[in-house]
Amino acid sequence: MVHIIPTVTLKDGVEIPVVGFGTANVKGNQGATAIASAITNGYRLIDSAYNYENEGAVGEGIRRAGVPREKLLVASKLPGRYHQYDEAVKAIQESLFRANVDYFDLYLIHWPNPKQDHYVEAWQALIDAQKWGLVRSIGVSNFLPEHLERLEKETGILPSVNQIELHPFFNQEEQREWHEKHGIVTESWSPLYRAKHTMENETLQYVAHKYSKSVAQVILRWHYQLGAITIPKSTSPNRQLENISIFDFALDYEDMEMIGKLTRPDGRINGQNPAEYEEF
């Protein structure tokens, strides 16, 4: 049985599933097998990045799964070293060649790298790539409101999606509110935090027991009810199925609040503050 995952419509009209498959560190033959398994299990959004060095595995996983390309949403991200306009255009083209697809459904700038100060130039390259038909929807990742405001001021166009670190220990409430006000869909990376920490958390265990669900399912349901897209990663077919089996229950208000209160100021997994952190 293939699970049907609900979708959300982005500001540019592209419909995107509310749960996708994350592929960081999923590479080679094992990676292609895991990606094919995810697609077979019902995942339709596949999230990759130039810096994951696995766009080829994504393309191979798609080929093995045998699901028509138009039924899938393939996403990738532009690395910091290619933010200058001409380099960004070539990087997008290279990503397409690696994945063996004619277009991306979603393409993001991976990090703003504000010290380098080329992210507006990179954004203009994505805007043009969308006009040329290389990308259906364009967005960013790890951008703060100050970066997003500058994109709008200098290009007149805001991203459809901002993929940010978001999990129960860093709930990004103010950033999510900013997104909602400006029509940007929030996408959560590392939605389950670190598995060991979340699985042992007493609050999350309590809520999971209440609904007869796993801790991971409760966390992913929490994201869904916040209005955020998630991209959990698992190479286990059973875990892949578990991660999309979250639409037959709902967390009540008190439990949503209880999970939200787990957040902390220093909740980032690796302290990667986009105001300072840079990735190339």
Protein backbone atom coordinates (compact mmCIF):
# COMPACT_ATOMS: atom_id res chain seq x y z
CA MET A 1 0.00 0.00 0.00
CA VAL A 2 1.37 3.40 -1.05
CA HIS A 3 0.74 6.14 1.49
CA ILE A 4 -0.87 9.34 0.20
CA ILE A 5 0.78 12.40 1.72
CA PRO A 6 -1.16 15.70 1.91
CA THR A 7 0.21 18.65 -0.04
CA VAL A 8 0.49 22.40 0.45
CA THR A 9 0.38 24.91 -2.41
CA LEU A 10 3.30 27.33 -2.62
CA LYS A 11 2.85 30.98 -3.60
CA ASP A 12 3.83 30.18 -7.20
CA GLY A 13 1.20 27.44 -7.49
CA VAL A 14 3.48 24.42 -7.06
CA GLU A 15 1.95 21.72 -4.85
CA ILE A 16 4.45 20.14 -2.48
CA PRO A 17 3.99 17.20 -0.07
CA VAL A 18 4.06 18.06 3.63
CA VAL A 19 6.53 15.23 4.29
CA GLY A 20 9.50 14.58 2.03
CA PHE A 21 12.54 12.35 2.11
CA GLY A 22 15.83 13.84 3.33
CA THR A 23 19.01 12.52 1.71
CA ALA A 24 21.96 14.10 3.55
CA ASN A 25 24.77 11.48 3.72
CA VAL A 26 22.69 9.08 1.60
CA LYS A 27 25.07 8.17 -1.24
CA GLY A 28 26.15 5.56 -3.73
CA ASN A 29 24.35 2.29 -4.37
CA GLN A 30 23.04 2.13 -0.80
CA GLY A 31 21.71 5.66 -1.18
CA ALA A 32 20.00 4.93 -4.49
CA THR A 33 18.39 1.85 -2.93
CA ALA A 34 17.11 3.88 0.05
CA ILE A 35 15.73 6.61 -2.23
CA ALA A 36 14.00 4.05 -4.46
CA SER A 37 12.52 2.43 -1.33
CA ALA A 38 11.22 5.79 -0.10
CA ILE A 39 9.56 6.51 -3.44
CA THR A 40 8.02 3.03 -3.52
CA ASN A 41 6.69 3.62 0.01
CA GLY A 42 4.91 6.80 -1.09
CA TYR A 43 7.38 9.67 -0.73
CA ARG A 44 7.10 12.12 -3.60
CA LEU A 45 9.37 14.97 -2.42
CA ILE A 46 13.07 14.10 -2.53
CA ASP A 47 15.38 16.68 -0.93
CA SER A 48 19.01 16.85 -2.02
CA ALA A 49 21.81 19.42 -2.32
CA TYR A 50 24.90 20.01 -4.44
CA ASN A 51 26.99 19.71 -1.27
CA TYR A 52 25.45 16.35 -0.34
CA GLU A 53 27.33 14.96 -3.36
CA ASN A 54 24.45 12.58 -4.02
CA GLU A 55 22.37 14.12 -6.80
CA GLY A 56 23.46 11.17 -8.94
CA ALA A 57 22.11 8.73 -6.36
CA VAL A 58 18.83 10.67 -6.38
CA GLY A 59 18.57 10.28 -10.14
CA GLU A 60 19.36 6.58 -9.94
CA GLY A 61 16.87 6.07 -7.11
CA ILE A 62 14.19 7.73 -9.24
CA ARG A 63 15.06 5.48 -12.19
CA ARG A 64 14.89 2.33 -10.05
CA ALA A 65 11.58 3.27 -8.44
CA GLY A 66 9.90 3.59 -11.82
CA VAL A 67 7.46 6.30 -10.74
CA PRO A 68 6.84 8.84 -13.55
CA ARG A 69 9.00 11.96 -13.17
CA GLU A 70 5.98 14.28 -13.23
CA LYS A 71 4.62 12.63 -10.09
CA LEU A 72 7.79 13.44 -8.13
CA LEU A 73 9.13 16.69 -6.69
CA VAL A 74 12.90 16.80 -6.80
CA ALA A 75 14.71 19.47 -4.80
CA SER A 76 18.33 20.55 -4.57
CA LYS A 77 20.38 23.44 -3.21
CA LEU A 78 23.06 25.85 -4.39
CA PRO A 79 26.36 25.78 -2.44
CA GLY A 80 27.99 28.92 -1.07
CA ARG A 81 31.02 28.76 -3.36
CA TYR A 82 28.78 29.35 -6.39
CA HIS A 83 26.80 32.41 -5.30
CA GLN A 84 28.15 34.68 -8.04
CA TYR A 85 25.60 34.88 -10.84
CA ASP A 86 27.41 33.07 -13.67
CA GLU A 87 28.69 30.37 -11.32
CA ALA A 88 25.22 29.89 -9.86
CA VAL A 89 23.68 29.33 -13.28
CA LYS A 90 26.33 26.74 -14.15
CA ALA A 91 25.88 25.01 -10.78
CA ILE A 92 22.12 24.67 -11.34
CA GLN A 93 22.77 23.18 -14.78
CA GLU A 94 25.38 20.82 -13.31
CA SER A 95 22.93 19.70 -10.63
CA LEU A 96 20.40 18.84 -13.33
CA PHE A 97 22.99 16.83 -15.25
CA ARG A 98 24.02 14.94 -12.11
CA ALA A 99 20.44 14.07 -11.18
CA ASN A 100 19.62 13.26 -14.83
CA VAL A 101 16.45 15.37 -14.76
CA ASP A 102 15.32 18.18 -17.05
CA TYR A 103 14.14 20.45 -14.23
CA PHE A 104 13.99 20.75 -10.47
CA ASP A 105 10.66 21.23 -8.77
CA LEU A 106 12.33 23.21 -5.99
CA TYR A 107 15.79 24.75 -5.84
CA LEU A 108 17.14 26.58 -2.79
CA ILE A 109 20.13 28.70 -1.85
CA HIS A 110 21.68 26.50 0.85
CA TRP A 111 23.05 29.23 3.16
CA PRO A 112 23.10 33.05 2.84
CA ASN A 113 26.82 33.35 3.66
CA PRO A 114 26.32 37.03 4.59
CA LYS A 115 30.03 37.81 5.02
CA GLN A 116 30.58 37.00 1.34
CA ASP A 117 27.54 39.12 0.42
CA HIS A 118 26.65 37.43 -2.87
CA TYR A 119 23.32 35.90 -1.90
CA VAL A 120 21.23 38.50 -3.76
CA GLU A 121 23.22 37.72 -6.90
CA ALA A 122 22.58 34.01 -6.34
CA TRP A 123 18.87 34.73 -5.85
CA GLN A 124 18.75 36.56 -9.19
CA ALA A 125 20.25 33.46 -10.83
CA LEU A 126 17.45 31.34 -9.32
CA ILE A 127 14.84 33.84 -10.52
CA ASP A 128 16.21 33.55 -14.06
CA ALA A 129 16.50 29.75 -13.83
CA GLN A 130 12.81 29.66 -13.02
CA LYS A 131 12.04 31.86 -16.06
CA TRP A 132 14.08 29.51 -18.26
CA GLY A 133 12.16 26.45 -17.02
CA LEU A 134 15.08 24.87 -15.17
CA VAL A 135 13.28 25.19 -11.83
CA ARG A 136 9.55 25.24 -11.03
CA SER A 137 9.76 26.88 -7.60
CA ILE A 138 12.61 28.79 -5.98
CA GLY A 139 13.43 29.19 -2.32
CA VAL A 140 16.16 29.50 0.25
CA SER A 141 17.53 27.68 3.25
CA ASN A 142 18.74 29.12 6.56
CA PHE A 143 17.84 32.72 5.66
CA LEU A 144 16.96 35.09 8.50
CA PRO A 145 14.25 37.76 8.11
CA GLU A 146 16.93 40.38 7.47
CA HIS A 147 18.22 38.36 4.50
CA LEU A 148 14.71 37.77 3.17
CA GLU A 149 13.84 41.46 3.44
CA ARG A 150 16.88 42.31 1.37
CA LEU A 151 15.92 39.82 -1.33
CA GLU A 152 12.52 41.44 -1.63
CA LYS A 153 13.93 44.96 -1.57
CA GLU A 154 16.51 44.30 -4.31
CA THR A 155 14.63 41.85 -6.56
CA GLY A 156 10.96 42.30 -5.67
CA ILE A 157 10.59 38.54 -5.18
CA LEU A 158 10.41 36.55 -1.96
CA PRO A 159 11.16 32.80 -1.78
CA SER A 160 8.35 30.25 -1.84
CA VAL A 161 10.09 28.17 0.84
CA ASN A 162 12.67 28.72 3.56
CA GLN A 163 14.21 25.49 4.87
CA ILE A 164 15.43 26.09 8.42
CA GLU A 165 16.62 24.12 11.42
CA LEU A 166 13.42 23.37 13.31
CA HIS A 167 12.71 20.72 15.93
CA PRO A 168 11.20 20.56 19.44
CA PHE A 169 14.38 21.94 21.01
CA PHE A 170 14.49 24.92 18.64
CA ASN A 171 10.97 25.76 17.56
CA GLN A 172 11.75 28.97 15.61
CA GLU A 173 8.46 30.59 16.60
CA GLU A 174 9.35 34.15 15.55
CA GLN A 175 10.86 33.01 12.22
CA ARG A 176 7.78 30.89 11.46
CA GLU A 177 5.50 33.83 12.19
CA TRP A 178 7.53 36.02 9.81
CA HIS A 179 7.22 33.38 7.10
CA GLU A 180 3.48 33.09 7.56
CA LYS A 181 3.02 36.84 7.38
CA HIS A 182 4.93 36.96 4.08
CA GLY A 183 3.51 33.86 2.39
CA ILE A 184 6.65 31.74 2.76
CA VAL A 185 6.26 28.03 3.58
CA THR A 186 8.50 26.78 6.39
CA GLU A 187 10.42 23.57 5.77
CA SER A 188 12.20 21.87 8.68
CA TRP A 189 15.62 20.30 8.42
CA SER A 190 16.74 17.86 11.16
CA PRO A 191 13.05 17.71 12.21
CA LEU A 192 13.74 14.87 14.66
CA TYR A 193 16.82 16.55 16.21
CA ARG A 194 19.26 13.84 17.30
CA ALA A 195 17.42 10.55 17.57
CA LYS A 196 18.95 9.51 20.90
CA HIS A 197 18.05 12.79 22.64
CA THR A 198 14.49 12.86 21.35
CA MET A 199 13.73 9.20 21.98
CA GLU A 200 14.86 9.52 25.62
CA ASN A 201 12.99 12.77 26.32
CA GLU A 202 10.33 12.17 28.97
CA THR A 203 7.87 14.74 27.59
CA LEU A 204 8.01 13.25 24.11
CA GLN A 205 7.76 9.72 25.51
CA TYR A 206 4.67 10.75 27.51
CA VAL A 207 2.94 12.21 24.45
CA ALA A 208 3.89 9.23 22.28
CA HIS A 209 2.43 6.81 24.86
CA LYS A 210 -0.78 8.86 25.05
CA TYR A 211 -1.43 8.46 21.32
CA SER A 212 0.09 4.97 20.97
CA LYS A 213 2.57 6.35 18.45
CA SER A 214 6.36 6.48 18.25
CA VAL A 215 8.26 9.55 19.42
CA ALA A 216 9.28 10.23 15.82
CA GLN A 217 5.64 10.14 14.67
CA VAL A 218 4.62 12.57 17.41
CA ILE A 219 7.39 15.00 16.47
CA LEU A 220 6.57 14.85 12.77
CA ARG A 221 2.87 15.35 13.55
CA TRP A 222 3.85 18.40 15.67
CA HIS A 223 5.66 19.87 12.65
CA TYR A 224 2.66 19.17 10.43
CA GLN A 225 0.30 20.92 12.81
CA LEU A 226 2.67 23.90 12.95
CA GLY A 227 2.30 24.13 9.17
CA ALA A 228 5.88 23.07 8.42
CA ILE A 229 7.08 20.62 5.76
CA THR A 230 9.46 17.96 7.10
CA ILE A 231 12.17 15.92 5.38
CA PRO A 232 13.02 13.04 7.74
CA LYS A 233 15.75 10.67 6.61
CA SER A 234 15.89 6.91 7.07
CA THR A 235 17.42 4.10 5.05
CA SER A 236 15.10 1.59 6.77
CA PRO A 237 11.96 0.84 4.72
CA ASN A 238 9.97 0.24 7.92
CA ARG A 239 11.08 3.55 9.43
CA GLN A 240 10.35 5.30 6.15
CA LEU A 241 6.76 4.05 6.38
CA GLU A 242 6.51 5.00 10.05
CA ASN A 243 7.59 8.56 9.27
CA ILE A 244 4.70 9.11 6.85
CA SER A 245 2.09 7.33 8.97
CA ILE A 246 1.15 10.47 10.87
CA PHE A 247 -2.17 11.45 9.32
CA ASP A 248 -4.51 9.22 11.33
CA PHE A 249 -4.27 11.17 14.60
CA ALA A 250 -3.98 14.76 15.84
CA LEU A 251 -2.18 16.26 18.81
CA ASP A 252 -4.40 18.33 21.07
CA TYR A 253 -3.60 21.93 21.97
CA GLU A 254 -2.05 21.08 25.33
CA ASP A 255 0.34 18.54 23.81
CA MET A 256 1.35 20.94 21.04
CA GLU A 257 2.14 23.53 23.71
CA MET A 258 4.01 20.99 25.84
CA ILE A 259 6.27 20.04 22.94
CA GLY A 260 6.76 23.68 21.97
CA LYS A 261 8.01 24.48 25.46
CA LEU A 262 10.97 22.11 25.00
CA THR A 263 12.64 24.83 22.92
CA ARG A 264 15.73 26.57 24.28
CA PRO A 265 17.84 29.56 23.18
CA ASP A 266 20.88 27.38 22.47
CA GLY A 267 18.81 24.64 20.83
CA ARG A 268 20.63 24.58 17.49
CA ILE A 269 22.26 21.18 16.95
CA ASN A 270 25.67 22.54 15.90
CA GLY A 271 25.28 26.21 16.79
CA GLN A 272 24.97 27.19 13.12
CA ASN A 273 23.61 30.73 13.32
CA PRO A 274 22.92 31.96 9.76
CA ALA A 275 23.92 35.49 10.79
CA GLU A 276 27.52 34.23 11.08
CA TYR A 277 27.83 30.62 9.89
CA GLU A 278 28.95 30.07 6.31
CA GLU A 279 29.08 26.94 4.19
CA PHE A 280 30.86 26.68 0.87
